[in-house]
Amino acid sequence: MHKVCLHDLVTRKTFLAELSTIPAVSETIQIDTSQRFYLIHGITKNISDQMNASHDFDIYVERINKEYWVNSLLDKTRNC
């Protein structure tokens, strides 16, 4: 598991999470079982002081709703 710090670009809030894989930019993730979806805008690997760091990666996200997420998937399938 990777310890990550998620930075919400809109609200400027941060929160820690554990992810089994690191998502790529432009992918979406869902945190816990709630309907909170996030669009990934950027990722930074924390290599400065990994022995004392509370997380391995900083992930910059924008919260999106489920409708936005579903529509983005439909757009991708139409472009294939």
C-alpha atoms as a PDB file:
ATOM      1  CA  MET A   1       0.000   0.000   0.000  1.00  0.00           C
ATOM      2  CA  HIS A   2       1.146   3.505  -0.824  1.00  0.00           C
ATOM      3  CA  LYS A   3       0.581   6.285   1.677  1.00  0.00           C
ATOM      4  CA  VAL A   4      -0.549   9.382  -0.220  1.00  0.00           C
ATOM      5  CA  CYS A   5      -1.535  12.919   0.627  1.00  0.00           C
ATOM      6  CA  LEU A   6      -4.419  14.122  -1.527  1.00  0.00           C
ATOM      7  CA  HIS A   7      -4.560  17.864  -2.186  1.00  0.00           C
ATOM      8  CA  ASP A   8      -7.974  19.138  -3.286  1.00  0.00           C
ATOM      9  CA  LEU A   9      -7.186  21.977  -5.693  1.00  0.00           C
ATOM     10  CA  VAL A  10     -10.608  23.616  -5.284  1.00  0.00           C
ATOM     11  CA  THR A  11     -11.047  23.565  -1.503  1.00  0.00           C
ATOM     12  CA  ARG A  12      -7.290  23.548  -0.759  1.00  0.00           C
ATOM     13  CA  LYS A  13      -7.860  20.826   1.841  1.00  0.00           C
ATOM     14  CA  THR A  14      -5.538  17.862   2.225  1.00  0.00           C
ATOM     15  CA  PHE A  15      -6.124  14.390   3.562  1.00  0.00           C
ATOM     16  CA  LEU A  16      -4.144  11.178   3.877  1.00  0.00           C
ATOM     17  CA  ALA A  17      -5.158   7.919   2.233  1.00  0.00           C
ATOM     18  CA  GLU A  18      -3.684   4.544   1.362  1.00  0.00           C
ATOM     19  CA  LEU A  19      -3.866   3.337  -2.242  1.00  0.00           C
ATOM     20  CA  SER A  20      -2.853  -0.060  -3.615  1.00  0.00           C
ATOM     21  CA  THR A  21      -1.666   1.538  -6.878  1.00  0.00           C
ATOM     22  CA  ILE A  22      -0.736   5.057  -7.879  1.00  0.00           C
ATOM     23  CA  PRO A  23      -3.165   6.459 -10.455  1.00  0.00           C
ATOM     24  CA  ALA A  24      -2.038   8.321 -13.564  1.00  0.00           C
ATOM     25  CA  VAL A  25      -2.842  11.929 -14.408  1.00  0.00           C
ATOM     26  CA  SER A  26      -6.362  12.253 -15.915  1.00  0.00           C
ATOM     27  CA  GLU A  27      -7.582   9.087 -14.215  1.00  0.00           C
ATOM     28  CA  THR A  28     -10.325   9.183 -11.618  1.00  0.00           C
ATOM     29  CA  ILE A  29     -10.365   7.581  -8.193  1.00  0.00           C
ATOM     30  CA  GLN A  30     -13.087   6.940  -5.654  1.00  0.00           C
ATOM     31  CA  ILE A  31     -12.130   7.242  -2.003  1.00  0.00           C
ATOM     32  CA  ASP A  32     -13.923   4.866   0.383  1.00  0.00           C
ATOM     33  CA  THR A  33     -17.491   3.750  -0.261  1.00  0.00           C
ATOM     34  CA  SER A  34     -18.933   7.236  -0.524  1.00  0.00           C
ATOM     35  CA  GLN A  35     -19.791   8.830  -3.833  1.00  0.00           C
ATOM     36  CA  ARG A  36     -16.679  11.014  -3.746  1.00  0.00           C
ATOM     37  CA  PHE A  37     -14.848  10.870  -7.058  1.00  0.00           C
ATOM     38  CA  TYR A  38     -11.634  12.747  -7.776  1.00  0.00           C
ATOM     39  CA  LEU A  39      -9.951  13.629 -11.062  1.00  0.00           C
ATOM     40  CA  ILE A  40      -6.156  13.364 -10.877  1.00  0.00           C
ATOM     41  CA  HIS A  41      -4.357  16.524 -12.051  1.00  0.00           C
ATOM     42  CA  GLY A  42      -0.805  15.806 -10.890  1.00  0.00           C
ATOM     43  CA  ILE A  43       1.414  13.506  -8.852  1.00  0.00           C
ATOM     44  CA  THR A  44       4.656  14.170  -7.001  1.00  0.00           C
ATOM     45  CA  LYS A  45       6.822  11.438  -5.479  1.00  0.00           C
ATOM     46  CA  ASN A  46       8.112  12.423  -2.049  1.00  0.00           C
ATOM     47  CA  ILE A  47      11.786  11.385  -2.084  1.00  0.00           C
ATOM     48  CA  SER A  48      13.357  14.092   0.070  1.00  0.00           C
ATOM     49  CA  ASP A  49      13.134  12.324   3.422  1.00  0.00           C
ATOM     50  CA  GLN A  50      11.266   9.062   3.017  1.00  0.00           C
ATOM     51  CA  MET A  51      12.352   7.674   6.361  1.00  0.00           C
ATOM     52  CA  ASN A  52      10.478  10.406   8.244  1.00  0.00           C
ATOM     53  CA  ALA A  53       7.774  11.253   5.693  1.00  0.00           C
ATOM     54  CA  SER A  54       4.135  10.580   6.543  1.00  0.00           C
ATOM     55  CA  HIS A  55       3.368   9.767   2.895  1.00  0.00           C
ATOM     56  CA  ASP A  56       5.099   8.571  -0.280  1.00  0.00           C
ATOM     57  CA  PHE A  57       3.221  10.648  -2.877  1.00  0.00           C
ATOM     58  CA  ASP A  58       1.399  13.969  -3.141  1.00  0.00           C
ATOM     59  CA  ILE A  59      -1.600  13.691  -5.465  1.00  0.00           C
ATOM     60  CA  TYR A  60      -3.365  16.821  -6.707  1.00  0.00           C
ATOM     61  CA  VAL A  61      -7.064  16.237  -7.318  1.00  0.00           C
ATOM     62  CA  GLU A  62     -10.339  17.915  -8.183  1.00  0.00           C
ATOM     63  CA  ARG A  63     -13.545  16.543  -6.735  1.00  0.00           C
ATOM     64  CA  ILE A  64     -16.041  15.594  -9.433  1.00  0.00           C
ATOM     65  CA  ASN A  65     -19.526  14.141  -9.283  1.00  0.00           C
ATOM     66  CA  LYS A  66     -20.516  10.719 -10.567  1.00  0.00           C
ATOM     67  CA  GLU A  67     -22.313  12.195 -13.597  1.00  0.00           C
ATOM     68  CA  TYR A  68     -19.123  13.955 -14.739  1.00  0.00           C
ATOM     69  CA  TRP A  69     -17.201  10.712 -14.285  1.00  0.00           C
ATOM     70  CA  VAL A  70     -19.698   8.597 -16.260  1.00  0.00           C
ATOM     71  CA  ASN A  71     -19.837  11.160 -19.082  1.00  0.00           C
ATOM     72  CA  SER A  72     -16.042  11.205 -19.329  1.00  0.00           C
ATOM     73  CA  LEU A  73     -16.059   7.424 -19.753  1.00  0.00           C
ATOM     74  CA  LEU A  74     -18.709   7.650 -22.467  1.00  0.00           C
ATOM     75  CA  ASP A  75     -16.660  10.280 -24.304  1.00  0.00           C
ATOM     76  CA  LYS A  76     -13.611   8.000 -24.261  1.00  0.00           C
ATOM     77  CA  THR A  77     -15.551   5.062 -25.733  1.00  0.00           C
ATOM     78  CA  ARG A  78     -16.960   7.241 -28.513  1.00  0.00           C
ATOM     79  CA  ASN A  79     -13.463   8.314 -29.534  1.00  0.00           C
ATOM     80  CA  CYS A  80     -12.227   4.727 -29.991  1.00  0.00           C
END
